Amino acid sequence: MHGTPCFQGTRVPFKNLIDSLEGGYPLDKFLRQFPTVSSEQAIQALEDAKDSFFAKIA
């Protein structure tokens, strides 16, 4: 997808998850909208983003 970070094995951009959560929607709603993304993938992506964020400010 032209360099856009997507969930492995899908064409679902990580940004879709962030936008959904920022919009106040729970994770399970995102997962229902994008069934090709597993719960484990979404949680791992969020954990990786958190770790990256804290590494930058540390």
C-alpha atoms as a PDB file:
ATOM      1  CA  MET A   1       0.000   0.000   0.000  1.00  0.00           C
ATOM      2  CA  HIS A   2       2.660   2.461  -1.118  1.00  0.00           C
ATOM      3  CA  GLY A   3       4.671   2.245   2.095  1.00  0.00           C
ATOM      4  CA  THR A   4       1.722   2.606   4.465  1.00  0.00           C
ATOM      5  CA  PRO A   5       2.254   0.356   7.509  1.00  0.00           C
ATOM      6  CA  CYS A   6      -0.337  -2.434   7.330  1.00  0.00           C
ATOM      7  CA  PHE A   7      -1.118  -5.448   9.428  1.00  0.00           C
ATOM      8  CA  GLN A   8       0.863  -8.431   8.149  1.00  0.00           C
ATOM      9  CA  GLY A   9      -1.051 -10.508   5.630  1.00  0.00           C
ATOM     10  CA  THR A  10      -3.702  -7.818   5.153  1.00  0.00           C
ATOM     11  CA  ARG A  11      -4.205  -4.528   3.360  1.00  0.00           C
ATOM     12  CA  VAL A  12      -5.504  -2.892   6.548  1.00  0.00           C
ATOM     13  CA  PRO A  13      -3.415   0.139   7.548  1.00  0.00           C
ATOM     14  CA  PHE A  14      -2.354   0.451  11.192  1.00  0.00           C
ATOM     15  CA  LYS A  15      -3.689   4.021  11.026  1.00  0.00           C
ATOM     16  CA  ASN A  16      -7.224   2.601  10.760  1.00  0.00           C
ATOM     17  CA  LEU A  17      -6.814   1.091  14.222  1.00  0.00           C
ATOM     18  CA  ILE A  18      -5.480   4.334  15.686  1.00  0.00           C
ATOM     19  CA  ASP A  19      -8.280   6.358  14.060  1.00  0.00           C
ATOM     20  CA  SER A  20     -10.883   3.945  15.413  1.00  0.00           C
ATOM     21  CA  LEU A  21      -9.534   4.125  18.958  1.00  0.00           C
ATOM     22  CA  GLU A  22      -9.178   7.920  18.767  1.00  0.00           C
ATOM     23  CA  GLY A  23     -12.811   8.045  17.693  1.00  0.00           C
ATOM     24  CA  GLY A  24     -13.773   6.346  20.936  1.00  0.00           C
ATOM     25  CA  TYR A  25     -14.576   2.958  19.447  1.00  0.00           C
ATOM     26  CA  PRO A  26     -13.575  -0.182  21.341  1.00  0.00           C
ATOM     27  CA  LEU A  27     -11.057  -2.614  19.896  1.00  0.00           C
ATOM     28  CA  ASP A  28     -13.723  -5.244  19.290  1.00  0.00           C
ATOM     29  CA  LYS A  29     -15.575  -2.895  16.922  1.00  0.00           C
ATOM     30  CA  PHE A  30     -12.397  -2.393  14.873  1.00  0.00           C
ATOM     31  CA  LEU A  31     -11.873  -6.157  14.770  1.00  0.00           C
ATOM     32  CA  ARG A  32     -15.454  -6.698  13.542  1.00  0.00           C
ATOM     33  CA  GLN A  33     -14.934  -4.102  10.803  1.00  0.00           C
ATOM     34  CA  PHE A  34     -11.625  -5.653   9.732  1.00  0.00           C
ATOM     35  CA  PRO A  35     -11.939  -9.419  10.267  1.00  0.00           C
ATOM     36  CA  THR A  36      -8.613 -10.102   8.518  1.00  0.00           C
ATOM     37  CA  VAL A  37      -6.843  -8.495  11.502  1.00  0.00           C
ATOM     38  CA  SER A  38      -6.571 -10.753  14.541  1.00  0.00           C
ATOM     39  CA  SER A  39      -6.889  -9.533  18.092  1.00  0.00           C
ATOM     40  CA  GLU A  40      -3.295 -10.629  18.692  1.00  0.00           C
ATOM     41  CA  GLN A  41      -2.064  -8.568  15.734  1.00  0.00           C
ATOM     42  CA  ALA A  42      -3.892  -5.455  16.928  1.00  0.00           C
ATOM     43  CA  ILE A  43      -2.681  -5.769  20.505  1.00  0.00           C
ATOM     44  CA  GLN A  44       0.895  -6.446  19.408  1.00  0.00           C
ATOM     45  CA  ALA A  45       0.844  -3.432  17.071  1.00  0.00           C
ATOM     46  CA  LEU A  46      -0.356  -1.202  19.910  1.00  0.00           C
ATOM     47  CA  GLU A  47       2.316  -2.574  22.247  1.00  0.00           C
ATOM     48  CA  ASP A  48       4.994  -1.995  19.608  1.00  0.00           C
ATOM     49  CA  ALA A  49       3.767   1.575  19.079  1.00  0.00           C
ATOM     50  CA  LYS A  50       3.824   2.182  22.827  1.00  0.00           C
ATOM     51  CA  ASP A  51       7.349   0.809  23.129  1.00  0.00           C
ATOM     52  CA  SER A  52       8.501   2.958  20.206  1.00  0.00           C
ATOM     53  CA  PHE A  53       6.934   6.053  21.745  1.00  0.00           C
ATOM     54  CA  PHE A  54       8.564   5.520  25.134  1.00  0.00           C
ATOM     55  CA  ALA A  55      11.934   4.753  23.515  1.00  0.00           C
ATOM     56  CA  LYS A  56      11.806   8.126  21.757  1.00  0.00           C
ATOM     57  CA  ILE A  57      11.062  10.126  24.917  1.00  0.00           C
ATOM     58  CA  ALA A  58      13.408   8.239  27.232  1.00  0.00           C
END
